[in-house]
């Protein structure tokens, strides 16, 4: 009899473990599918030539010429330009310059956290009358209290400028700036491709307006 009880308990325990494991696996898949995309703002001004071939070469401002960091971002941006149909050549139609900046910000935030607090009820009861506090069961109600804390985040900013080399003299035909805020867990190398995708996704897009953009995260291999 005892063996049967132990055996039955083991079966139930194993089934419970399998059920919990299945639930956790399902939650992991759900959370992976609901990854927060990059959100930000995009402002663009342009006078883009109709039917112009998307051939380009990079240009660097004086402080960027010997920068290893800028050379790294250049390689990353080159891949995003190719994704948008641009081709780097020695005899291009356009020159492309860009500036990528990351600044750390610190702010104080207030959030309301829920708490549980008792409510008391006063009244008379019984044939002779009287006063009671509460009732046969406790009555609880929700409440909120503010919590202040400091939080650091980063502002990521990418600006792309394009000049038409076929004009004499060359003239600016596109300016686009994408800005997004991220927490400390983000890295510049992860955010730059997403900002470039926000600018180049429907290039050249509407001119003279600031709009909110959202770029979905791609699953890591």
N, C-alpha and C. Protein backbone atom coordinates (compact mmCIF):
# COMPACT_ATOMS: atom_id res chain seq x y z
N UNK A 1 0.83 -1.20 0.00
CA UNK A 1 0.00 0.00 0.00
C UNK A 1 0.86 1.24 0.00
N UNK A 2 1.90 1.25 0.88
CA UNK A 2 2.78 2.40 0.93
C UNK A 2 3.53 2.59 -0.38
N UNK A 3 3.92 1.42 -1.00
CA UNK A 3 4.62 1.52 -2.28
C UNK A 3 3.73 2.15 -3.34
N UNK A 4 2.43 1.76 -3.31
CA UNK A 4 1.51 2.33 -4.28
C UNK A 4 1.38 3.83 -4.08
N UNK A 5 1.30 4.26 -2.85
CA UNK A 5 1.18 5.69 -2.58
C UNK A 5 2.41 6.44 -3.05
N UNK A 6 3.58 5.82 -2.76
CA UNK A 6 4.80 6.49 -3.20
C UNK A 6 4.87 6.53 -4.71
N UNK A 7 4.45 5.43 -5.36
CA UNK A 7 4.47 5.39 -6.81
C UNK A 7 3.52 6.41 -7.40
N UNK A 8 2.30 6.48 -6.86
CA UNK A 8 1.33 7.45 -7.36
C UNK A 8 1.81 8.86 -7.17
N UNK A 9 2.44 9.14 -6.01
CA UNK A 9 2.97 10.48 -5.77
C UNK A 9 4.05 10.82 -6.77
N UNK A 10 4.90 9.80 -7.12
CA UNK A 10 5.95 10.05 -8.09
C UNK A 10 5.40 10.37 -9.45
N UNK A 11 4.31 9.65 -9.83
CA UNK A 11 3.71 9.91 -11.13
C UNK A 11 3.13 11.31 -11.17
N UNK A 12 2.42 11.68 -10.10
CA UNK A 12 1.83 13.02 -10.07
C UNK A 12 2.91 14.09 -10.08
N UNK A 13 4.00 13.82 -9.32
CA UNK A 13 5.09 14.80 -9.28
C UNK A 13 5.74 14.94 -10.64
N UNK A 14 5.96 13.80 -11.33
CA UNK A 14 6.56 13.86 -12.67
C UNK A 14 5.66 14.57 -13.65
N UNK A 15 4.36 14.29 -13.58
CA UNK A 15 3.42 14.97 -14.48
C UNK A 15 3.40 16.47 -14.21
N UNK A 16 3.46 16.83 -12.94
CA UNK A 16 3.46 18.25 -12.59
C UNK A 16 4.70 18.93 -13.12
N UNK A 17 5.84 18.22 -12.99
CA UNK A 17 7.08 18.81 -13.50
C UNK A 17 7.02 19.00 -15.00
N UNK A 18 6.46 18.00 -15.71
CA UNK A 18 6.35 18.13 -17.16
C UNK A 18 5.40 19.26 -17.54
N UNK A 19 4.32 19.41 -16.77
CA UNK A 19 3.37 20.48 -17.05
C UNK A 19 4.01 21.83 -16.85
N UNK A 20 4.76 21.99 -15.74
CA UNK A 20 5.43 23.26 -15.46
C UNK A 20 6.46 23.56 -16.53
N UNK A 21 7.22 22.52 -16.93
CA UNK A 21 8.24 22.72 -17.97
C UNK A 21 7.60 23.16 -19.27
N UNK A 22 6.44 22.57 -19.61
CA UNK A 22 5.75 22.96 -20.83
C UNK A 22 5.27 24.40 -20.77
N UNK A 23 4.74 24.79 -19.60
CA UNK A 23 4.27 26.17 -19.44
C UNK A 23 5.43 27.15 -19.58
N UNK A 24 6.57 26.84 -18.93
CA UNK A 24 7.72 27.73 -19.01
C UNK A 24 8.25 27.82 -20.43
N UNK A 25 8.26 26.70 -21.15
CA UNK A 25 8.73 26.73 -22.53
C UNK A 25 7.79 27.59 -23.39
N UNK A 26 6.49 27.46 -23.15
CA UNK A 26 5.54 28.27 -23.91
C UNK A 26 5.70 29.75 -23.62
N UNK A 27 5.94 30.08 -22.34
CA UNK A 27 6.15 31.49 -22.00
C UNK A 27 7.41 32.02 -22.65
N UNK A 28 8.45 31.19 -22.72
CA UNK A 28 9.70 31.63 -23.35
C UNK A 28 9.48 31.94 -24.82
N UNK A 29 8.72 31.08 -25.50
CA UNK A 29 8.44 31.33 -26.92
C UNK A 29 7.60 32.60 -27.09
N UNK A 30 6.60 32.77 -26.19
CA UNK A 30 5.74 33.94 -26.28
C UNK A 30 6.53 35.21 -26.07
N UNK A 31 7.41 35.23 -25.05
CA UNK A 31 8.20 36.41 -24.78
C UNK A 31 9.16 36.70 -25.91
N UNK A 32 9.73 35.64 -26.51
CA UNK A 32 10.64 35.85 -27.63
C UNK A 32 9.90 36.46 -28.81
N UNK A 33 8.66 36.05 -29.02
CA UNK A 33 7.89 36.59 -30.14
C UNK A 33 7.38 37.99 -29.88
N UNK A 34 7.38 38.43 -28.61
CA UNK A 34 6.88 39.76 -28.28
C UNK A 34 8.01 40.71 -27.91
N UNK A 35 9.20 40.48 -28.47
CA UNK A 35 10.33 41.35 -28.18
C UNK A 35 10.00 42.78 -28.57
N UNK A 36 10.38 43.72 -27.70
CA UNK A 36 10.07 45.12 -27.95
C UNK A 36 10.90 45.63 -29.11
N UNK A 37 10.27 46.21 -30.15
CA UNK A 37 11.04 46.74 -31.27
C UNK A 37 11.67 48.07 -30.91
N UNK A 38 12.60 48.53 -31.75
CA UNK A 38 13.17 49.85 -31.55
C UNK A 38 12.16 50.90 -31.98
N UNK A 39 11.92 51.86 -31.12
CA UNK A 39 11.01 52.96 -31.42
C UNK A 39 11.76 54.27 -31.31
N UNK A 40 11.43 55.19 -32.18
CA UNK A 40 12.10 56.48 -32.15
C UNK A 40 11.41 57.48 -33.04
N UNK A 41 12.12 58.56 -33.33
CA UNK A 41 11.60 59.62 -34.17
C UNK A 41 12.53 59.84 -35.36
N UNK A 42 11.94 60.11 -36.51
CA UNK A 42 12.69 60.35 -37.73
C UNK A 42 12.25 61.68 -38.33
N UNK A 43 13.24 62.53 -38.61
CA UNK A 43 12.99 63.79 -39.28
C UNK A 43 13.82 63.81 -40.56
N UNK A 44 13.18 64.12 -41.69
CA UNK A 44 13.88 64.11 -42.97
C UNK A 44 13.47 65.31 -43.81
N UNK A 45 14.47 65.85 -44.51
CA UNK A 45 14.24 66.90 -45.51
C UNK A 45 14.98 66.46 -46.77
N UNK A 46 14.31 66.56 -47.91
CA UNK A 46 15.00 66.12 -49.13
C UNK A 46 14.42 66.77 -50.37
N UNK A 47 15.25 66.80 -51.40
CA UNK A 47 14.86 67.14 -52.78
C UNK A 47 15.50 66.06 -53.65
N UNK A 48 14.98 64.87 -53.54
CA UNK A 48 15.61 63.72 -54.15
C UNK A 48 15.38 63.70 -55.67
N UNK A 49 16.46 63.54 -56.46
CA UNK A 49 16.30 63.49 -57.93
C UNK A 49 15.53 62.24 -58.35
N UNK A 50 14.56 62.43 -59.21
CA UNK A 50 13.74 61.31 -59.67
C UNK A 50 14.59 60.38 -60.55
N UNK A 51 14.44 59.07 -60.30
CA UNK A 51 15.10 58.03 -61.11
C UNK A 51 16.63 58.10 -61.06
N UNK A 52 17.20 58.70 -60.04
CA UNK A 52 18.66 58.75 -59.91
C UNK A 52 19.18 57.40 -59.47
N UNK A 53 20.28 56.92 -60.06
CA UNK A 53 20.86 55.65 -59.61
C UNK A 53 21.40 55.79 -58.19
N UNK A 54 21.20 54.77 -57.40
CA UNK A 54 21.63 54.82 -55.99
C UNK A 54 23.08 54.34 -55.87
N UNK A 55 23.99 55.09 -56.47
CA UNK A 55 25.42 54.80 -56.34
C UNK A 55 26.02 55.87 -55.45
N UNK A 56 27.00 55.49 -54.64
CA UNK A 56 27.51 56.43 -53.63
C UNK A 56 28.96 56.14 -53.28
N UNK A 57 29.54 57.10 -52.57
CA UNK A 57 30.81 56.90 -51.86
C UNK A 57 30.70 57.65 -50.53
N UNK A 58 31.40 57.14 -49.53
CA UNK A 58 31.39 57.79 -48.24
C UNK A 58 32.32 59.01 -48.25
N UNK A 59 31.93 60.03 -47.51
CA UNK A 59 32.82 61.16 -47.24
C UNK A 59 32.89 61.33 -45.73
N UNK A 60 34.05 61.83 -45.26
CA UNK A 60 34.24 62.02 -43.83
C UNK A 60 34.57 63.46 -43.52
N UNK A 61 33.99 63.95 -42.43
CA UNK A 61 34.37 65.26 -41.92
C UNK A 61 35.78 65.16 -41.33
N UNK A 62 36.42 66.29 -41.14
CA UNK A 62 37.81 66.30 -40.67
C UNK A 62 38.02 65.49 -39.38
N UNK A 63 37.16 65.63 -38.35
CA UNK A 63 37.39 64.84 -37.12
C UNK A 63 37.19 63.34 -37.30
N UNK A 64 36.55 62.93 -38.40
CA UNK A 64 36.23 61.51 -38.62
C UNK A 64 37.30 60.77 -39.41
N UNK A 65 38.21 61.50 -40.03
CA UNK A 65 39.11 60.88 -41.01
C UNK A 65 40.01 59.81 -40.41
N UNK A 66 40.51 60.01 -39.21
CA UNK A 66 41.40 59.03 -38.59
C UNK A 66 40.72 58.27 -37.45
N UNK A 67 39.39 58.32 -37.39
CA UNK A 67 38.66 57.69 -36.29
C UNK A 67 38.40 56.22 -36.58
N UNK A 68 38.92 55.34 -35.72
CA UNK A 68 38.65 53.91 -35.86
C UNK A 68 37.18 53.61 -35.54
N UNK A 69 36.62 54.37 -34.62
CA UNK A 69 35.20 54.17 -34.28
C UNK A 69 34.33 54.48 -35.49
N UNK A 70 34.61 55.60 -36.16
CA UNK A 70 33.80 55.95 -37.32
C UNK A 70 33.96 54.92 -38.43
N UNK A 71 35.16 54.39 -38.60
CA UNK A 71 35.38 53.36 -39.62
C UNK A 71 34.54 52.12 -39.32
N UNK A 72 34.39 51.79 -38.03
CA UNK A 72 33.56 50.65 -37.64
C UNK A 72 32.09 50.90 -37.99
N UNK A 73 31.60 52.10 -37.64
CA UNK A 73 30.20 52.42 -37.96
C UNK A 73 30.00 52.49 -39.47
N UNK A 74 31.03 52.88 -40.19
CA UNK A 74 30.93 52.96 -41.65
C UNK A 74 30.68 51.58 -42.25
N UNK A 75 31.36 50.59 -41.72
CA UNK A 75 31.16 49.22 -42.22
C UNK A 75 29.73 48.75 -41.93
N UNK A 76 29.23 49.09 -40.75
CA UNK A 76 27.86 48.71 -40.41
C UNK A 76 26.85 49.40 -41.31
N UNK A 77 27.04 50.69 -41.54
CA UNK A 77 26.11 51.45 -42.36
C UNK A 77 26.17 51.00 -43.82
N UNK A 78 27.34 50.57 -44.27
CA UNK A 78 27.48 50.09 -45.65
C UNK A 78 26.53 48.91 -45.90
N UNK A 79 26.42 48.02 -44.93
CA UNK A 79 25.52 46.87 -45.07
C UNK A 79 24.07 47.32 -45.14
N UNK A 80 23.69 48.32 -44.38
CA UNK A 80 22.31 48.80 -44.40
C UNK A 80 22.00 49.55 -45.69
N UNK A 81 22.97 50.26 -46.22
CA UNK A 81 22.76 50.95 -47.50
C UNK A 81 22.56 49.93 -48.62
N UNK A 82 23.34 48.85 -48.59
CA UNK A 82 23.16 47.80 -49.60
C UNK A 82 21.78 47.18 -49.47
N UNK A 83 21.32 47.02 -48.27
CA UNK A 83 19.98 46.46 -48.05
C UNK A 83 18.90 47.35 -48.65
N UNK A 84 19.16 48.68 -48.70
CA UNK A 84 18.18 49.63 -49.23
C UNK A 84 18.39 49.90 -50.72
N UNK A 85 19.30 49.15 -51.37
CA UNK A 85 19.47 49.29 -52.81
C UNK A 85 20.56 50.25 -53.23
N UNK A 86 21.39 50.72 -52.29
CA UNK A 86 22.51 51.59 -52.63
C UNK A 86 23.74 50.73 -52.96
N UNK A 87 24.56 51.24 -53.88
CA UNK A 87 25.76 50.51 -54.30
C UNK A 87 26.96 51.45 -54.27
N UNK A 88 28.01 51.01 -53.57
CA UNK A 88 29.22 51.82 -53.45
C UNK A 88 30.09 51.64 -54.70
N UNK A 89 30.49 52.75 -55.33
CA UNK A 89 31.30 52.69 -56.55
C UNK A 89 32.37 53.77 -56.49
N UNK A 90 33.30 53.69 -57.44
CA UNK A 90 34.35 54.71 -57.55
C UNK A 90 33.89 55.91 -58.38
N UNK A 91 32.79 55.77 -59.09
CA UNK A 91 32.24 56.87 -59.88
C UNK A 91 30.77 57.05 -59.52
N UNK A 92 30.50 57.56 -58.32
CA UNK A 92 29.13 57.55 -57.80
C UNK A 92 28.33 58.77 -58.21
N UNK A 93 27.03 58.64 -58.04
CA UNK A 93 26.14 59.79 -58.24
C UNK A 93 26.07 60.63 -56.97
N UNK A 94 26.18 59.99 -55.79
CA UNK A 94 26.01 60.69 -54.53
C UNK A 94 27.19 60.46 -53.60
N UNK A 95 27.40 61.43 -52.73
CA UNK A 95 28.32 61.25 -51.60
C UNK A 95 27.49 61.20 -50.32
N UNK A 96 27.86 60.32 -49.42
CA UNK A 96 27.09 60.12 -48.18
C UNK A 96 28.01 60.33 -46.98
N UNK A 97 27.59 61.23 -46.12
CA UNK A 97 28.26 61.44 -44.85
C UNK A 97 27.29 61.17 -43.72
N UNK A 98 27.82 60.76 -42.59
CA UNK A 98 26.93 60.48 -41.46
C UNK A 98 27.64 60.75 -40.15
N UNK A 99 26.83 60.94 -39.11
CA UNK A 99 27.34 61.15 -37.76
C UNK A 99 26.50 60.32 -36.81
N UNK A 100 27.17 59.49 -36.02
CA UNK A 100 26.47 58.61 -35.07
C UNK A 100 26.95 58.96 -33.67
N UNK A 101 26.01 59.34 -32.82
CA UNK A 101 26.36 59.77 -31.46
C UNK A 101 25.54 59.02 -30.43
N UNK A 102 26.21 58.72 -29.31
CA UNK A 102 25.55 58.07 -28.18
C UNK A 102 25.84 58.90 -26.94
N UNK A 103 24.80 59.35 -26.26
CA UNK A 103 24.98 60.16 -25.05
C UNK A 103 24.23 59.51 -23.89
N UNK A 104 24.90 59.45 -22.75
CA UNK A 104 24.30 58.85 -21.55
C UNK A 104 23.49 59.90 -20.80
N UNK A 105 22.29 59.54 -20.43
CA UNK A 105 21.39 60.44 -19.72
C UNK A 105 21.04 59.82 -18.37
N UNK A 106 20.78 60.68 -17.38
CA UNK A 106 20.38 60.21 -16.06
C UNK A 106 19.18 61.03 -15.62
N UNK A 107 18.12 60.35 -15.23
CA UNK A 107 16.91 61.05 -14.82
C UNK A 107 16.29 60.40 -13.58
N UNK A 108 15.43 61.14 -12.93
CA UNK A 108 14.72 60.65 -11.74
C UNK A 108 13.27 60.39 -12.13
N UNK A 109 12.79 59.19 -11.80
CA UNK A 109 11.46 58.77 -12.20
C UNK A 109 10.63 58.42 -10.96
N UNK A 110 9.33 58.54 -11.10
CA UNK A 110 8.40 58.17 -10.03
C UNK A 110 7.41 57.17 -10.62
N UNK A 111 7.27 56.03 -9.94
CA UNK A 111 6.31 55.02 -10.36
C UNK A 111 5.41 54.66 -9.20
N UNK A 112 4.17 54.33 -9.49
CA UNK A 112 3.20 53.94 -8.47
C UNK A 112 3.18 52.41 -8.36
N UNK A 113 3.46 51.89 -7.17
CA UNK A 113 3.45 50.45 -6.94
C UNK A 113 2.21 50.08 -6.13
N UNK A 114 1.56 48.99 -6.49
CA UNK A 114 0.35 48.59 -5.75
C UNK A 114 0.68 48.07 -4.36
N UNK A 115 -0.22 48.32 -3.43
CA UNK A 115 -0.10 47.77 -2.08
C UNK A 115 -1.48 47.33 -1.63
N UNK A 116 -1.54 46.50 -0.61
CA UNK A 116 -2.81 46.02 -0.08
C UNK A 116 -2.99 46.58 1.31
N UNK A 117 -4.13 47.19 1.56
CA UNK A 117 -4.39 47.79 2.86
C UNK A 117 -5.80 47.43 3.32
N UNK A 118 -6.00 47.24 4.62
CA UNK A 118 -7.33 46.83 5.11
C UNK A 118 -8.30 48.00 5.19
N UNK A 119 -9.55 47.70 4.95
CA UNK A 119 -10.63 48.66 5.16
C UNK A 119 -11.48 48.15 6.33
N UNK A 120 -11.92 49.07 7.19
CA UNK A 120 -12.69 48.69 8.37
C UNK A 120 -14.13 49.17 8.21
N UNK A 121 -15.03 48.35 8.69
CA UNK A 121 -16.45 48.67 8.60
C UNK A 121 -17.03 48.72 10.00
N UNK A 122 -17.68 49.82 10.29
CA UNK A 122 -18.32 49.98 11.59
C UNK A 122 -19.82 49.87 11.41
N UNK A 123 -20.48 49.18 12.36
CA UNK A 123 -21.93 49.07 12.24
C UNK A 123 -22.53 48.42 13.48
N UNK A 124 -23.83 48.32 13.48
CA UNK A 124 -24.55 47.69 14.59
C UNK A 124 -25.07 46.35 14.13
N UNK A 125 -25.15 45.41 15.05
CA UNK A 125 -25.65 44.10 14.70
C UNK A 125 -26.25 43.47 15.95
N UNK A 126 -27.08 42.45 15.74
CA UNK A 126 -27.67 41.73 16.86
C UNK A 126 -28.96 42.39 17.34
N UNK A 127 -29.73 41.66 18.13
CA UNK A 127 -31.01 42.17 18.61
C UNK A 127 -30.82 43.32 19.59
N UNK A 128 -29.73 43.32 20.33
CA UNK A 128 -29.51 44.37 21.33
C UNK A 128 -28.71 45.54 20.76
N UNK A 129 -28.16 45.38 19.53
CA UNK A 129 -27.35 46.46 18.98
C UNK A 129 -25.92 46.37 19.48
N UNK A 130 -25.08 47.10 18.86
CA UNK A 130 -23.68 47.09 19.25
C UNK A 130 -22.82 47.62 18.11
N UNK A 131 -21.53 47.52 18.28
CA UNK A 131 -20.57 48.02 17.29
C UNK A 131 -19.58 46.92 16.99
N UNK A 132 -19.29 46.72 15.70
CA UNK A 132 -18.27 45.74 15.32
C UNK A 132 -17.28 46.38 14.37
N UNK A 133 -16.06 45.85 14.32
CA UNK A 133 -15.03 46.30 13.39
C UNK A 133 -14.81 45.19 12.39
N UNK A 134 -15.03 45.49 11.09
CA UNK A 134 -14.87 44.45 10.09
C UNK A 134 -16.13 43.63 9.99
N UNK A 135 -15.97 42.41 9.54
CA UNK A 135 -17.09 41.52 9.36
C UNK A 135 -16.62 40.11 9.63
N UNK A 136 -17.34 39.14 9.18
CA UNK A 136 -16.90 37.76 9.41
C UNK A 136 -15.62 37.43 8.66
N UNK A 137 -15.34 38.16 7.53
CA UNK A 137 -14.10 37.94 6.78
C UNK A 137 -13.42 39.29 6.56
N UNK A 138 -12.09 39.33 6.54
CA UNK A 138 -11.40 40.61 6.31
C UNK A 138 -11.74 41.17 4.94
N UNK A 139 -11.83 42.45 4.85
CA UNK A 139 -12.11 43.14 3.59
C UNK A 139 -10.85 43.93 3.23
N UNK A 140 -10.27 43.61 2.06
CA UNK A 140 -9.02 44.25 1.65
C UNK A 140 -9.25 45.03 0.37
N UNK A 141 -8.52 46.10 0.20
CA UNK A 141 -8.66 46.92 -1.00
C UNK A 141 -7.30 47.34 -1.52
N UNK A 142 -7.21 47.65 -2.82
CA UNK A 142 -5.93 48.04 -3.40
C UNK A 142 -5.59 49.48 -3.10
N UNK A 143 -4.32 49.78 -3.09
CA UNK A 143 -3.83 51.13 -2.95
C UNK A 143 -2.50 51.27 -3.68
N UNK A 144 -2.00 52.47 -3.83
CA UNK A 144 -0.76 52.69 -4.56
C UNK A 144 0.09 53.70 -3.79
N UNK A 145 1.39 53.48 -3.84
CA UNK A 145 2.29 54.44 -3.22
C UNK A 145 3.43 54.75 -4.20
N UNK A 146 3.88 56.00 -4.25
CA UNK A 146 4.91 56.39 -5.22
C UNK A 146 6.30 55.97 -4.76
N UNK A 147 7.12 55.54 -5.71
CA UNK A 147 8.51 55.18 -5.45
C UNK A 147 9.38 55.96 -6.42
N UNK A 148 10.33 56.70 -5.90
CA UNK A 148 11.25 57.47 -6.72
C UNK A 148 12.56 56.70 -6.88
N UNK A 149 13.13 56.78 -8.07
CA UNK A 149 14.40 56.11 -8.31
C UNK A 149 15.11 56.79 -9.47
N UNK A 150 16.43 56.63 -9.50
CA UNK A 150 17.24 57.15 -10.59
C UNK A 150 17.40 56.07 -11.65
N UNK A 151 17.35 56.49 -12.91
CA UNK A 151 17.53 55.53 -13.99
C UNK A 151 18.40 56.15 -15.08
N UNK A 152 19.34 55.37 -15.55
CA UNK A 152 20.21 55.82 -16.64
C UNK A 152 19.71 55.24 -17.96
N UNK A 153 19.78 56.02 -19.00
CA UNK A 153 19.45 55.52 -20.32
C UNK A 153 20.36 56.22 -21.32
N UNK A 154 20.30 55.79 -22.56
CA UNK A 154 21.15 56.35 -23.60
C UNK A 154 20.30 56.90 -24.73
N UNK A 155 20.75 58.02 -25.27
CA UNK A 155 20.12 58.57 -26.46
C UNK A 155 21.00 58.24 -27.65
N UNK A 156 20.43 57.56 -28.63
CA UNK A 156 21.15 57.18 -29.85
C UNK A 156 20.66 58.07 -30.99
N UNK A 157 21.60 58.67 -31.70
CA UNK A 157 21.25 59.62 -32.76
C UNK A 157 22.09 59.34 -34.00
N UNK A 158 21.43 59.13 -35.12
CA UNK A 158 22.09 58.93 -36.41
C UNK A 158 21.60 59.97 -37.39
N UNK A 159 22.55 60.69 -37.98
CA UNK A 159 22.21 61.69 -39.00
C UNK A 159 22.94 61.32 -40.30
N UNK A 160 22.19 61.29 -41.38
CA UNK A 160 22.74 60.98 -42.70
C UNK A 160 22.53 62.18 -43.61
N UNK A 161 23.59 62.58 -44.33
CA UNK A 161 23.52 63.68 -45.28
C UNK A 161 24.01 63.17 -46.63
N UNK A 162 23.26 63.49 -47.68
CA UNK A 162 23.60 63.02 -49.03
C UNK A 162 23.66 64.21 -49.97
N UNK A 163 24.73 64.26 -50.77
CA UNK A 163 24.90 65.31 -51.77
C UNK A 163 24.89 64.71 -53.16
N UNK A 164 24.33 65.44 -54.10
CA UNK A 164 24.26 65.02 -55.50
C UNK A 164 25.51 65.53 -56.21
N UNK A 165 26.39 64.61 -56.62
CA UNK A 165 27.64 64.98 -57.26
C UNK A 165 27.45 65.36 -58.73
N UNK A 166 26.28 65.06 -59.30
CA UNK A 166 26.02 65.43 -60.69
C UNK A 166 25.72 66.91 -60.82
N UNK A 167 25.32 67.56 -59.74
CA UNK A 167 25.05 69.00 -59.78
C UNK A 167 26.37 69.76 -59.72
N UNK A 168 26.38 70.94 -60.30
CA UNK A 168 27.58 71.77 -60.31
C UNK A 168 27.24 73.15 -59.74
N UNK A 169 27.74 73.43 -58.52
CA UNK A 169 28.52 72.56 -57.65
C UNK A 169 27.63 71.51 -56.99
N UNK A 170 28.21 70.46 -56.38
CA UNK A 170 27.39 69.44 -55.69
C UNK A 170 26.48 70.09 -54.66
N UNK A 171 25.27 69.57 -54.55
CA UNK A 171 24.30 70.17 -53.63
C UNK A 171 23.67 69.11 -52.75
N UNK A 172 23.27 69.56 -51.58
CA UNK A 172 22.63 68.68 -50.61
C UNK A 172 21.24 68.32 -51.11
N UNK A 173 20.93 67.00 -51.13
CA UNK A 173 19.60 66.56 -51.57
C UNK A 173 18.87 65.75 -50.50
N UNK A 174 19.56 65.42 -49.41
CA UNK A 174 18.87 64.65 -48.37
C UNK A 174 19.53 64.90 -47.02
N UNK A 175 18.69 65.09 -45.99
CA UNK A 175 19.12 65.15 -44.59
C UNK A 175 18.12 64.34 -43.78
N UNK A 176 18.59 63.37 -43.05
CA UNK A 176 17.70 62.56 -42.22
C UNK A 176 18.32 62.29 -40.86
N UNK A 177 17.52 62.44 -39.81
CA UNK A 177 18.01 62.21 -38.45
C UNK A 177 17.03 61.29 -37.73
N UNK A 178 17.55 60.20 -37.19
CA UNK A 178 16.76 59.25 -36.39
C UNK A 178 17.29 59.26 -34.96
N UNK A 179 16.37 59.33 -34.00
CA UNK A 179 16.74 59.40 -32.59
C UNK A 179 15.93 58.36 -31.82
N UNK A 180 16.60 57.65 -30.90
CA UNK A 180 15.90 56.67 -30.07
C UNK A 180 16.56 56.62 -28.71
N UNK A 181 15.75 56.35 -27.69
CA UNK A 181 16.25 56.17 -26.33
C UNK A 181 16.30 54.69 -26.00
N UNK A 182 17.33 54.28 -25.31
CA UNK A 182 17.45 52.89 -24.90
C UNK A 182 18.01 52.78 -23.50
N UNK A 183 17.77 51.62 -22.86
CA UNK A 183 18.29 51.39 -21.52
C UNK A 183 19.75 50.98 -21.58
N UNK A 184 20.36 50.78 -20.42
CA UNK A 184 21.78 50.48 -20.36
C UNK A 184 22.12 49.14 -21.01
N UNK A 185 21.13 48.26 -21.18
CA UNK A 185 21.40 46.95 -21.76
C UNK A 185 21.67 47.02 -23.26
N UNK A 186 21.29 48.13 -23.92
CA UNK A 186 21.52 48.27 -25.34
C UNK A 186 22.98 48.63 -25.60
N UNK A 187 23.47 48.31 -26.79
CA UNK A 187 24.83 48.68 -27.16
C UNK A 187 24.77 49.47 -28.47
N UNK A 188 25.74 50.39 -28.70
CA UNK A 188 25.75 51.17 -29.95
C UNK A 188 25.76 50.30 -31.19
N UNK A 189 26.49 49.18 -31.16
CA UNK A 189 26.58 48.32 -32.34
C UNK A 189 25.23 47.67 -32.66
N UNK A 190 24.38 47.46 -31.65
CA UNK A 190 23.06 46.88 -31.89
C UNK A 190 22.06 47.90 -32.40
N UNK A 191 22.21 49.16 -31.97
CA UNK A 191 21.21 50.17 -32.29
C UNK A 191 21.46 50.81 -33.65
N UNK A 192 22.73 50.98 -34.05
CA UNK A 192 23.03 51.66 -35.31
C UNK A 192 22.32 51.04 -36.51
N UNK A 193 22.36 49.72 -36.73
CA UNK A 193 21.64 49.17 -37.88
C UNK A 193 20.15 49.46 -37.86
N UNK A 194 19.56 49.49 -36.66
CA UNK A 194 18.12 49.74 -36.57
C UNK A 194 17.79 51.20 -36.89
N UNK A 195 18.65 52.13 -36.45
CA UNK A 195 18.43 53.52 -36.79
C UNK A 195 18.59 53.73 -38.30
N UNK A 196 19.61 53.09 -38.88
CA UNK A 196 19.80 53.19 -40.33
C UNK A 196 18.60 52.61 -41.08
N UNK A 197 18.04 51.52 -40.56
CA UNK A 197 16.88 50.90 -41.19
C UNK A 197 15.66 51.80 -41.09
N UNK A 198 15.57 52.56 -39.98
CA UNK A 198 14.46 53.51 -39.83
C UNK A 198 14.55 54.60 -40.89
N UNK A 199 15.77 55.07 -41.19
CA UNK A 199 15.94 56.13 -42.18
C UNK A 199 15.77 55.60 -43.59
N UNK A 200 16.34 54.43 -43.86
CA UNK A 200 16.41 53.92 -45.23
C UNK A 200 15.24 53.00 -45.59
N UNK A 201 14.38 52.69 -44.63
CA UNK A 201 13.33 51.70 -44.88
C UNK A 201 12.39 52.09 -46.01
N UNK A 202 11.91 53.34 -46.02
CA UNK A 202 11.04 53.80 -47.12
C UNK A 202 11.65 55.05 -47.76
N UNK A 203 12.95 55.00 -47.94
CA UNK A 203 13.71 56.13 -48.45
C UNK A 203 13.17 56.61 -49.80
N UNK A 204 13.08 57.94 -50.06
CA UNK A 204 13.43 59.02 -49.14
C UNK A 204 12.31 59.40 -48.17
N UNK A 205 11.10 58.89 -48.39
CA UNK A 205 9.99 59.15 -47.47
C UNK A 205 9.49 60.58 -47.55
N UNK A 206 8.53 60.94 -46.67
CA UNK A 206 8.00 62.31 -46.67
C UNK A 206 9.05 63.31 -46.22
N UNK A 207 8.97 64.52 -46.76
CA UNK A 207 9.95 65.56 -46.44
C UNK A 207 9.35 66.61 -45.53
N UNK A 208 10.17 67.12 -44.62
CA UNK A 208 9.77 68.24 -43.77
C UNK A 208 8.87 67.88 -42.62
N UNK A 209 8.81 66.62 -42.22
CA UNK A 209 7.97 66.21 -41.10
C UNK A 209 8.78 65.33 -40.14
N UNK A 210 8.34 65.34 -38.90
CA UNK A 210 8.90 64.43 -37.89
C UNK A 210 7.86 63.37 -37.61
N UNK A 211 8.25 62.13 -37.70
CA UNK A 211 7.29 61.03 -37.50
C UNK A 211 7.90 59.96 -36.62
N UNK A 212 7.03 59.24 -35.97
CA UNK A 212 7.48 58.12 -35.13
C UNK A 212 7.72 56.90 -36.02
N UNK A 213 8.78 56.19 -35.72
CA UNK A 213 9.13 55.01 -36.49
C UNK A 213 9.29 53.84 -35.53
N UNK A 214 9.09 52.65 -36.06
CA UNK A 214 9.22 51.42 -35.28
C UNK A 214 9.90 50.38 -36.16
N UNK A 215 11.01 49.86 -35.67
CA UNK A 215 11.79 48.88 -36.44
C UNK A 215 11.79 47.56 -35.67
N UNK A 216 11.24 46.50 -36.22
CA UNK A 216 11.22 45.21 -35.52
C UNK A 216 12.62 44.64 -35.35
N UNK A 217 12.83 43.99 -34.21
CA UNK A 217 14.11 43.33 -33.97
C UNK A 217 14.16 42.01 -34.71
N UNK A 218 15.30 41.71 -35.28
CA UNK A 218 15.46 40.44 -35.98
C UNK A 218 15.99 39.40 -34.99
N UNK A 219 15.47 38.18 -35.03
CA UNK A 219 15.94 37.14 -34.10
C UNK A 219 17.40 36.84 -34.32
N UNK A 220 18.10 36.65 -33.20
CA UNK A 220 19.52 36.33 -33.29
C UNK A 220 19.70 34.88 -33.70
N UNK A 221 20.72 34.59 -34.54
CA UNK A 221 20.92 33.21 -34.99
C UNK A 221 21.35 32.32 -33.85
